[in-house]
N, C-alpha and C. Protein backbone atom coordinates (compact mmCIF):
# COMPACT_ATOMS: atom_id res chain seq x y z
N MET A 1 73.04 77.38 -54.30
CA MET A 1 72.71 76.54 -53.24
C MET A 1 72.45 75.11 -54.20
N LYS A 2 72.97 73.86 -53.91
CA LYS A 2 72.75 72.82 -54.37
C LYS A 2 71.42 72.05 -53.80
N LYS A 3 70.71 71.55 -54.82
CA LYS A 3 69.33 70.75 -54.41
C LYS A 3 69.88 69.45 -54.04
N LYS A 4 69.06 68.77 -53.05
CA LYS A 4 69.15 67.59 -52.73
C LYS A 4 68.61 66.44 -53.62
N ASN A 5 69.16 65.69 -54.10
CA ASN A 5 68.53 64.47 -55.20
C ASN A 5 67.61 63.61 -54.13
N ASN A 6 66.25 63.92 -54.56
CA ASN A 6 65.28 63.14 -53.67
C ASN A 6 65.00 61.82 -54.38
N SER A 7 65.77 61.18 -54.97
CA SER A 7 65.51 60.12 -55.58
C SER A 7 65.83 58.73 -54.70
N CYS A 8 64.86 58.20 -54.05
CA CYS A 8 64.91 57.09 -53.12
C CYS A 8 64.84 55.71 -53.77
N ILE A 9 65.79 54.98 -53.66
CA ILE A 9 65.73 53.35 -54.25
C ILE A 9 65.16 52.66 -53.04
N SER A 10 64.12 51.93 -53.26
CA SER A 10 63.56 50.98 -52.55
C SER A 10 64.48 49.72 -52.28
N PHE A 11 63.95 49.21 -51.03
CA PHE A 11 64.78 47.92 -50.89
C PHE A 11 64.59 46.84 -51.97
N PHE A 12 63.62 46.74 -52.57
CA PHE A 12 63.79 45.72 -53.68
C PHE A 12 64.31 46.29 -54.77
N GLN A 13 64.40 47.62 -55.04
CA GLN A 13 65.01 48.00 -56.34
C GLN A 13 66.70 47.75 -56.01
N ARG A 14 67.10 48.09 -54.88
CA ARG A 14 68.58 47.95 -54.35
C ARG A 14 68.83 46.74 -54.54
N TYR A 15 68.35 45.63 -54.46
CA TYR A 15 68.67 44.54 -54.21
C TYR A 15 68.19 43.72 -55.66
N LEU A 16 67.57 44.01 -56.50
CA LEU A 16 67.08 43.54 -57.69
C LEU A 16 67.81 42.22 -58.23
N THR A 17 69.05 42.61 -58.43
CA THR A 17 70.20 41.64 -59.03
C THR A 17 69.78 40.25 -58.17
N ILE A 18 69.82 40.41 -56.86
CA ILE A 18 69.90 39.36 -55.85
C ILE A 18 68.58 38.68 -56.10
N TRP A 19 67.35 39.31 -56.28
CA TRP A 19 65.96 38.58 -56.14
C TRP A 19 66.30 37.89 -57.60
N VAL A 20 66.53 38.54 -58.56
CA VAL A 20 66.61 37.70 -59.96
C VAL A 20 67.43 36.50 -59.72
N MET A 21 68.56 36.65 -59.32
CA MET A 21 69.36 35.40 -59.12
C MET A 21 68.69 34.14 -58.45
N LEU A 22 68.02 34.59 -57.22
CA LEU A 22 67.23 33.84 -56.41
C LEU A 22 66.10 33.00 -57.07
N CYS A 23 65.38 33.90 -57.84
CA CYS A 23 64.41 33.44 -58.61
C CYS A 23 65.04 32.42 -59.76
N MET A 24 65.99 32.65 -60.04
CA MET A 24 66.71 31.61 -61.29
C MET A 24 66.95 30.37 -60.35
N VAL A 25 67.82 30.41 -59.57
CA VAL A 25 67.94 29.33 -58.69
C VAL A 25 66.69 28.49 -58.36
N LEU A 26 65.76 29.08 -57.69
CA LEU A 26 64.43 28.52 -57.21
C LEU A 26 63.94 27.96 -58.67
N GLY A 27 63.79 28.75 -59.55
CA GLY A 27 63.39 28.24 -60.67
C GLY A 27 63.99 26.47 -61.35
N ILE A 28 65.23 26.60 -61.18
CA ILE A 28 66.26 25.42 -61.78
C ILE A 28 66.25 24.67 -60.67
N LEU A 29 65.92 24.60 -59.28
CA LEU A 29 65.39 23.55 -58.17
C LEU A 29 64.27 22.87 -58.38
N ILE A 30 63.19 23.59 -58.79
CA ILE A 30 61.86 23.21 -58.90
C ILE A 30 61.86 22.45 -59.75
N GLY A 31 62.39 22.81 -61.15
CA GLY A 31 62.63 21.83 -62.51
C GLY A 31 63.15 20.56 -62.09
N LYS A 32 64.17 20.79 -61.19
CA LYS A 32 65.12 19.48 -61.10
C LYS A 32 64.33 18.47 -59.99
N TYR A 33 63.95 18.86 -58.87
CA TYR A 33 63.11 18.23 -57.63
C TYR A 33 62.04 17.98 -57.79
N LEU A 34 61.09 19.17 -58.48
CA LEU A 34 59.64 18.88 -58.63
C LEU A 34 59.14 18.78 -60.03
N PRO A 35 59.42 18.04 -60.63
CA PRO A 35 59.27 18.07 -62.05
C PRO A 35 57.72 18.28 -62.50
N GLY A 36 56.91 17.79 -61.81
CA GLY A 36 55.48 17.86 -61.86
C GLY A 36 54.92 19.47 -61.79
N ILE A 37 55.47 20.38 -61.29
CA ILE A 37 55.21 21.62 -61.32
C ILE A 37 55.33 22.39 -62.72
N PRO A 38 56.51 22.24 -63.33
CA PRO A 38 56.69 22.68 -64.72
C PRO A 38 55.72 21.79 -65.63
N ALA A 39 55.73 20.60 -65.43
CA ALA A 39 54.78 19.75 -66.38
C ALA A 39 53.33 20.32 -66.31
N PHE A 40 52.98 20.57 -65.11
CA PHE A 40 51.40 21.25 -64.98
C PHE A 40 51.35 22.66 -65.56
N LEU A 41 52.31 23.25 -65.48
CA LEU A 41 52.30 24.69 -65.98
C LEU A 41 52.19 24.69 -67.57
N ASN A 42 53.01 23.81 -68.06
CA ASN A 42 53.25 23.64 -69.50
C ASN A 42 51.89 23.20 -70.05
N ARG A 43 50.78 22.84 -69.49
CA ARG A 43 49.52 22.25 -70.26
C ARG A 43 49.08 23.77 -70.39
N PHE A 44 49.27 24.88 -69.81
CA PHE A 44 48.34 26.04 -69.89
C PHE A 44 48.94 26.94 -71.20
N GLU A 45 48.55 26.71 -72.28
CA GLU A 45 49.33 27.26 -73.56
C GLU A 45 47.89 27.47 -74.59
N TYR A 46 48.06 28.53 -75.27
CA TYR A 46 47.11 29.00 -76.14
C TYR A 46 47.90 29.54 -77.30
N ALA A 47 47.58 29.07 -78.69
CA ALA A 47 48.22 29.40 -79.75
C ALA A 47 49.90 29.25 -79.52
N ARG A 48 50.22 28.32 -79.03
CA ARG A 48 51.63 28.19 -78.69
C ARG A 48 52.44 29.11 -77.70
N VAL A 49 51.33 29.85 -76.94
CA VAL A 49 52.03 30.95 -76.16
C VAL A 49 51.79 30.28 -74.66
N SER A 50 52.74 30.46 -73.80
CA SER A 50 52.49 29.96 -72.29
C SER A 50 51.78 30.92 -71.76
N ILE A 51 50.67 30.68 -71.02
CA ILE A 51 49.68 31.79 -70.50
C ILE A 51 50.43 31.93 -68.97
N PRO A 52 51.20 31.03 -68.37
CA PRO A 52 51.70 31.57 -67.21
C PRO A 52 52.97 32.73 -67.19
N MET A 53 53.80 32.09 -68.58
CA MET A 53 54.96 33.10 -68.96
C MET A 53 54.26 34.34 -69.51
N ALA A 54 53.23 34.42 -70.12
CA ALA A 54 52.53 35.78 -70.60
C ALA A 54 52.06 36.74 -69.66
N ILE A 55 51.72 35.95 -68.57
CA ILE A 55 51.18 36.65 -67.39
C ILE A 55 52.29 37.33 -66.53
N LEU A 56 53.60 36.57 -66.47
CA LEU A 56 54.57 37.12 -65.72
C LEU A 56 55.53 38.28 -66.52
N ILE A 57 55.28 38.18 -67.71
CA ILE A 57 55.85 39.10 -68.56
C ILE A 57 55.18 40.52 -68.43
């Protein structure tokens, strides 16, 4: 008798590629139309490491 594979892919995992693309587009749009946000985030740097980027990674 064959065992049923119980690996269940969540909604987020199933559409991960779409989420990544949406975030990339959103980042580009923010950089183009709201340049104050990237400029503000660039101020948070320690030892030439971006703190917001370090948190996200």
